Amino acid sequence: MDFSSHMLIMPISTPAKLPHIVANLTPHKSASTPMPHSISCSFDPEKRNGLDLDFELTDVVVPPTKGNIRKFIARRNGQLNPIGDFTDQLDRSISCPFQKSTVKKQNCVLHINYNGQQAALVCQVRTNDLAALKHRLSPLLRQHKSRFRNVQIERNLFKPTGLIHALVTCQTPIDLASLKLDAQRCKAQDCKVINMAEGKLCFNCQPSDLAKVTARLRLCGYKPLRSEVGQCARDSLVKLPVAQLQRYVEFLKALKADTDMVKVYDNVENSTATLHG
């Protein structure tokens, strides 16, 4: 039987419709970019007691940031110096535990009452931790029944004064009456003997008159060594018995032995002479 007469042949003028697939060949932005190996800080206890930091390239990875990814891509393309990038990562990702403290020492003033209210002192200190200094001095103060004063609520027993440390140039014995007279001539307020044997003196005046009094003392035959703005007692000096003065001088020596102590002023008569005598 011939079936060719029954077949329906369609024309090939219209192509068959097939689904069109569009491929996106651009990588997704969230694709992970390989991170560079970073550095680690390792301590060798057998090398210099572990105080040196040994930086080595290891597999420890720095947390990814946009800056790290850009630097890695630039270094891969030859646009960044690997050594410079390594140094930059070292500065940013490593904090050395042995880095020196950048806290600067500051000048402070401490007011102290000695043995109740028997005497008073003003201490000029230079420290970067005032609380630690007070804690360090507390046992010494308790031993001598002393305490820190608060001049905000208590009367300040001291006032600023100009101090001129000088030497007697003549070989004649020091005469206290002559010193008082020379101090008045040179417009100084007072004079105190620091060391009788070495001829060391200390004149005090108004802080604004330091230069004038120093020049007049030089004309009168004295040899000024140095001048400063210090503290002097507002009231008359305290006179301690010999035994109590000796114990006070021991307290004064222990106080000045602290590394943060710069200068100590007090209202005790002959305390400096006994300390240097």
Protein backbone atom coordinates (compact mmCIF):
# COMPACT_ATOMS: atom_id res chain seq x y z
CA MET A 1 0.00 0.00 0.00
CA ASP A 2 1.45 3.37 -0.91
CA PHE A 3 1.24 5.85 1.99
CA SER A 4 3.13 8.69 0.28
CA SER A 5 -0.08 10.13 -0.98
CA HIS A 6 -1.36 10.47 2.56
CA MET A 7 1.72 12.35 3.99
CA LEU A 8 1.49 16.10 4.64
CA ILE A 9 4.74 17.85 3.80
CA MET A 10 5.13 21.31 5.47
CA PRO A 11 7.27 24.05 3.87
CA ILE A 12 10.64 24.88 5.57
CA SER A 13 10.22 28.64 5.33
CA THR A 14 9.78 29.19 9.14
CA PRO A 15 12.52 27.82 11.42
CA ALA A 16 11.60 25.96 14.53
CA LYS A 17 11.39 28.08 17.72
CA LEU A 18 14.03 27.03 20.27
CA PRO A 19 14.54 28.51 23.78
CA HIS A 20 17.28 31.17 23.87
CA ILE A 21 19.75 30.88 26.78
CA VAL A 22 21.88 33.92 27.74
CA ALA A 23 25.01 33.05 29.74
CA ASN A 24 26.35 35.59 32.29
CA LEU A 25 30.12 35.25 32.14
CA THR A 26 30.82 38.15 34.60
CA PRO A 27 31.97 36.89 38.07
CA HIS A 28 29.65 37.70 40.92
CA LYS A 29 30.86 40.45 43.27
CA SER A 30 30.43 38.24 46.32
CA ALA A 31 32.92 35.71 44.97
CA SER A 32 35.67 35.21 47.49
CA THR A 33 39.06 36.64 46.56
CA PRO A 34 42.07 34.72 47.83
CA MET A 35 43.69 36.58 50.73
CA PRO A 36 47.41 37.05 51.09
CA HIS A 37 49.30 35.27 53.79
CA SER A 38 49.97 37.55 56.72
CA ILE A 39 52.47 37.57 59.54
CA SER A 40 52.40 36.29 63.06
CA CYS A 41 54.20 37.35 66.20
CA SER A 42 56.03 34.50 67.86
CA PHE A 43 58.10 34.54 71.04
CA ASP A 44 61.19 32.38 71.45
CA PRO A 45 61.76 31.96 75.19
CA GLU A 46 65.28 30.69 74.53
CA LYS A 47 66.29 33.81 72.60
CA ARG A 48 67.02 36.91 74.69
CA ASN A 49 64.52 35.76 77.31
CA GLY A 50 61.68 36.15 74.83
CA LEU A 51 61.95 39.95 74.72
CA ASP A 52 62.53 40.08 70.96
CA LEU A 53 59.71 39.73 68.46
CA ASP A 54 60.31 37.32 65.57
CA PHE A 55 58.11 38.10 62.57
CA GLU A 56 57.66 35.20 60.11
CA LEU A 57 55.43 34.53 57.12
CA THR A 58 52.86 31.94 58.22
CA ASP A 59 49.37 30.88 57.35
CA VAL A 60 47.68 33.17 59.84
CA VAL A 61 45.29 35.39 57.89
CA VAL A 62 44.51 39.02 58.61
CA PRO A 63 40.73 39.72 58.73
CA PRO A 64 39.69 40.76 55.20
CA THR A 65 39.10 44.42 54.48
CA LYS A 66 38.53 46.36 51.29
CA GLY A 67 42.02 47.84 51.60
CA ASN A 68 43.62 44.40 51.93
CA ILE A 69 41.78 43.08 48.83
CA ARG A 70 42.79 46.10 46.74
CA LYS A 71 46.42 45.80 47.84
CA PHE A 72 46.46 42.07 47.05
CA ILE A 73 45.08 42.65 43.54
CA ALA A 74 47.53 45.49 42.93
CA ARG A 75 50.47 43.40 44.12
CA ARG A 76 49.36 40.48 41.93
CA ASN A 77 49.32 42.81 38.92
CA GLY A 78 52.79 44.11 39.74
CA GLN A 79 51.57 47.56 40.82
CA LEU A 80 52.70 47.38 44.46
CA ASN A 81 56.03 46.67 46.11
CA PRO A 82 55.69 43.48 48.20
CA ILE A 83 58.21 44.72 50.75
CA GLY A 84 56.38 48.00 51.24
CA ASP A 85 53.07 46.17 51.57
CA PHE A 86 54.59 43.79 54.12
CA THR A 87 55.84 46.73 56.22
CA ASP A 88 52.45 48.40 56.04
CA GLN A 89 50.68 45.24 57.22
CA LEU A 90 53.22 44.90 60.01
CA ASP A 91 52.45 48.39 61.29
CA ARG A 92 48.69 47.97 61.06
CA SER A 93 48.09 44.42 62.23
CA ILE A 94 50.76 43.93 64.92
CA SER A 95 50.74 45.72 68.26
CA CYS A 96 53.98 45.03 70.12
CA PRO A 97 53.41 44.38 73.84
CA PHE A 98 56.86 45.76 74.66
CA GLN A 99 56.29 49.12 73.01
CA LYS A 100 57.46 51.98 75.25
CA SER A 101 54.79 54.06 76.90
CA THR A 102 54.22 57.45 75.28
CA VAL A 103 52.77 58.96 78.45
CA LYS A 104 54.86 62.00 79.36
CA LYS A 105 55.73 62.95 82.92
CA GLN A 106 53.96 65.99 84.30
CA ASN A 107 54.92 68.46 87.00
CA CYS A 108 52.69 68.28 90.08
CA VAL A 109 52.68 69.64 93.61
CA LEU A 110 52.00 67.65 96.80
CA HIS A 111 51.25 69.27 100.17
CA ILE A 112 52.09 67.21 103.27
CA ASN A 113 51.53 67.63 106.98
CA TYR A 114 54.27 66.08 109.11
CA ASN A 115 53.56 64.38 112.47
CA GLY A 116 50.03 65.70 112.81
CA GLN A 117 50.44 69.42 112.23
CA GLN A 118 53.95 69.78 113.64
CA ALA A 119 55.42 70.81 110.28
CA ALA A 120 54.36 71.25 106.66
CA LEU A 121 56.01 70.52 103.31
CA VAL A 122 55.47 71.29 99.64
CA CYS A 123 56.85 68.70 97.21
CA GLN A 124 57.42 69.38 93.54
CA VAL A 125 57.21 66.06 91.68
CA ARG A 126 57.49 64.97 88.07
CA THR A 127 55.59 61.79 87.35
CA ASN A 128 53.33 60.09 84.81
CA ASP A 129 51.21 58.40 87.51
CA LEU A 130 50.40 60.62 90.48
CA ALA A 131 48.13 58.00 92.08
CA ALA A 132 50.94 55.44 92.02
CA LEU A 133 53.34 57.95 93.58
CA LYS A 134 50.91 58.67 96.42
CA HIS A 135 50.44 54.97 97.01
CA ARG A 136 54.22 54.51 97.11
CA LEU A 137 54.65 57.30 99.68
CA SER A 138 51.75 56.22 101.91
CA PRO A 139 53.76 53.78 104.11
CA LEU A 140 56.36 56.48 104.82
CA LEU A 141 53.67 58.98 105.73
CA ARG A 142 51.92 56.52 108.05
CA GLN A 143 55.22 55.73 109.75
CA HIS A 144 55.70 59.42 110.60
CA LYS A 145 52.01 60.15 111.34
CA SER A 146 51.79 62.36 108.27
CA ARG A 147 49.21 62.83 105.53
CA PHE A 148 48.56 64.63 102.26
CA ARG A 149 46.91 68.02 102.68
CA ASN A 150 44.16 69.38 100.45
CA VAL A 151 44.79 73.09 99.96
CA GLN A 152 41.39 73.42 98.28
CA ILE A 153 39.70 73.12 101.67
CA GLU A 154 42.65 73.89 103.99
CA ARG A 155 44.68 77.06 104.32
CA ASN A 156 47.76 77.10 102.11
CA LEU A 157 50.74 77.52 104.45
CA PHE A 158 53.13 78.48 101.62
CA LYS A 159 53.47 81.19 99.00
CA PRO A 160 55.63 81.54 95.86
CA THR A 161 59.00 83.18 96.36
CA GLY A 162 62.18 83.83 94.43
CA LEU A 163 65.16 81.82 95.72
CA ILE A 164 68.79 82.67 94.94
CA HIS A 165 71.45 80.14 95.93
CA ALA A 166 74.82 81.81 96.36
CA LEU A 167 78.33 81.41 97.84
CA VAL A 168 80.32 83.72 100.08
CA THR A 169 83.48 84.62 98.16
CA CYS A 170 85.45 86.14 101.05
CA GLN A 171 87.39 83.98 103.51
CA THR A 172 86.07 85.76 106.61
CA PRO A 173 83.65 83.81 108.85
CA ILE A 174 79.98 84.24 108.05
CA ASP A 175 78.32 86.85 110.24
CA LEU A 176 74.54 86.56 110.44
CA ALA A 177 74.10 90.26 111.19
CA SER A 178 76.13 91.20 108.10
CA LEU A 179 74.09 88.77 105.97
CA LYS A 180 70.83 90.36 107.07
CA LEU A 181 72.21 93.80 106.26
CA ASP A 182 73.43 92.73 102.82
CA ALA A 183 70.07 91.14 102.10
CA GLN A 184 68.31 94.42 102.87
CA ARG A 185 70.74 96.39 100.68
CA CYS A 186 70.15 94.03 97.77
CA LYS A 187 66.35 94.24 98.22
CA ALA A 188 66.11 90.60 99.33
CA GLN A 189 63.52 89.69 101.95
CA ASP A 190 65.69 87.28 103.93
CA CYS A 191 68.80 85.10 103.89
CA LYS A 192 69.32 81.58 105.19
CA VAL A 193 72.57 79.69 105.75
CA ILE A 194 72.56 76.35 103.95
CA ASN A 195 76.08 75.17 104.83
CA MET A 196 78.23 77.21 107.16
CA ALA A 197 81.50 75.40 106.36
CA GLU A 198 81.13 75.74 102.58
CA GLY A 199 79.63 79.23 102.70
CA LYS A 200 76.38 78.23 100.95
CA LEU A 201 73.54 80.72 101.35
CA CYS A 202 70.00 81.15 100.07
CA PHE A 203 68.41 84.58 99.60
CA ASN A 204 64.70 84.93 98.98
CA CYS A 205 62.85 87.78 97.30
CA GLN A 206 59.77 88.54 95.25
CA PRO A 207 59.60 86.29 92.14
CA SER A 208 59.51 89.38 89.92
CA ASP A 209 62.74 90.73 91.50
CA LEU A 210 64.93 87.66 90.88
CA ALA A 211 67.09 89.24 88.18
CA LYS A 212 67.59 92.55 90.05
CA VAL A 213 68.49 90.95 93.40
CA THR A 214 70.85 88.48 91.71
CA ALA A 215 72.74 91.35 90.03
CA ARG A 216 73.01 93.33 93.30
CA LEU A 217 74.27 90.29 95.23
CA ARG A 218 77.00 89.85 92.63
CA LEU A 219 78.05 93.49 93.11
CA CYS A 220 78.15 92.97 96.89
CA GLY A 221 80.73 90.18 96.56
CA TYR A 222 78.50 87.10 96.53
CA LYS A 223 78.62 84.42 93.85
CA PRO A 224 75.08 83.47 92.72
CA LEU A 225 74.88 79.82 91.67
CA ARG A 226 71.28 79.46 90.51
CA SER A 227 67.86 81.04 90.98
CA GLU A 228 64.36 79.59 90.99
CA VAL A 229 60.76 80.30 91.91
CA GLY A 230 60.03 78.10 94.92
CA GLN A 231 57.84 78.05 98.02
CA CYS A 232 58.31 79.71 101.41
CA ALA A 233 56.27 79.57 104.60
CA ARG A 234 53.72 82.32 105.18
CA ASP A 235 54.20 82.18 108.95
CA SER A 236 57.31 81.96 111.11
CA LEU A 237 59.41 78.82 110.84
CA VAL A 238 58.84 75.88 113.19
CA LYS A 239 61.59 75.16 115.73
CA LEU A 240 61.89 71.47 116.55
CA PRO A 241 63.87 70.03 119.49
CA VAL A 242 67.11 68.30 118.53
CA ALA A 243 65.74 64.74 118.82
CA GLN A 244 62.59 65.58 116.85
CA LEU A 245 64.60 67.51 114.27
CA GLN A 246 66.83 64.50 113.69
CA ARG A 247 63.81 62.25 113.12
CA TYR A 248 62.30 64.85 110.80
CA VAL A 249 65.52 64.98 108.76
CA GLU A 250 65.35 61.19 108.37
CA PHE A 251 61.82 61.58 107.04
CA LEU A 252 63.02 64.30 104.69
CA LYS A 253 65.82 62.10 103.33
CA ALA A 254 63.44 59.19 102.70
CA LEU A 255 61.01 61.53 100.94
CA LYS A 256 63.68 62.99 98.66
CA ALA A 257 64.96 59.50 97.81
CA ASP A 258 61.89 58.80 95.66
CA THR A 259 62.72 58.89 91.96
CA ASP A 260 59.77 61.16 91.11
CA MET A 261 60.69 63.77 93.73
CA VAL A 262 62.19 66.97 92.31
CA LYS A 263 62.19 69.50 95.17
CA VAL A 264 60.94 69.71 98.76
CA TYR A 265 60.20 72.94 100.63
CA ASP A 266 59.26 73.01 104.34
CA ASN A 267 58.61 75.42 107.20
CA VAL A 268 61.12 73.88 109.64
CA GLU A 269 64.02 75.98 110.85
CA ASN A 270 67.53 74.57 110.18
CA SER A 271 66.15 71.49 108.42
CA THR A 272 68.22 72.09 105.28
CA ALA A 273 71.35 72.90 107.27
CA THR A 274 70.97 69.69 109.28
CA LEU A 275 70.31 67.70 106.11
CA HIS A 276 73.52 68.95 104.45
CA GLY A 277 75.57 69.31 107.61
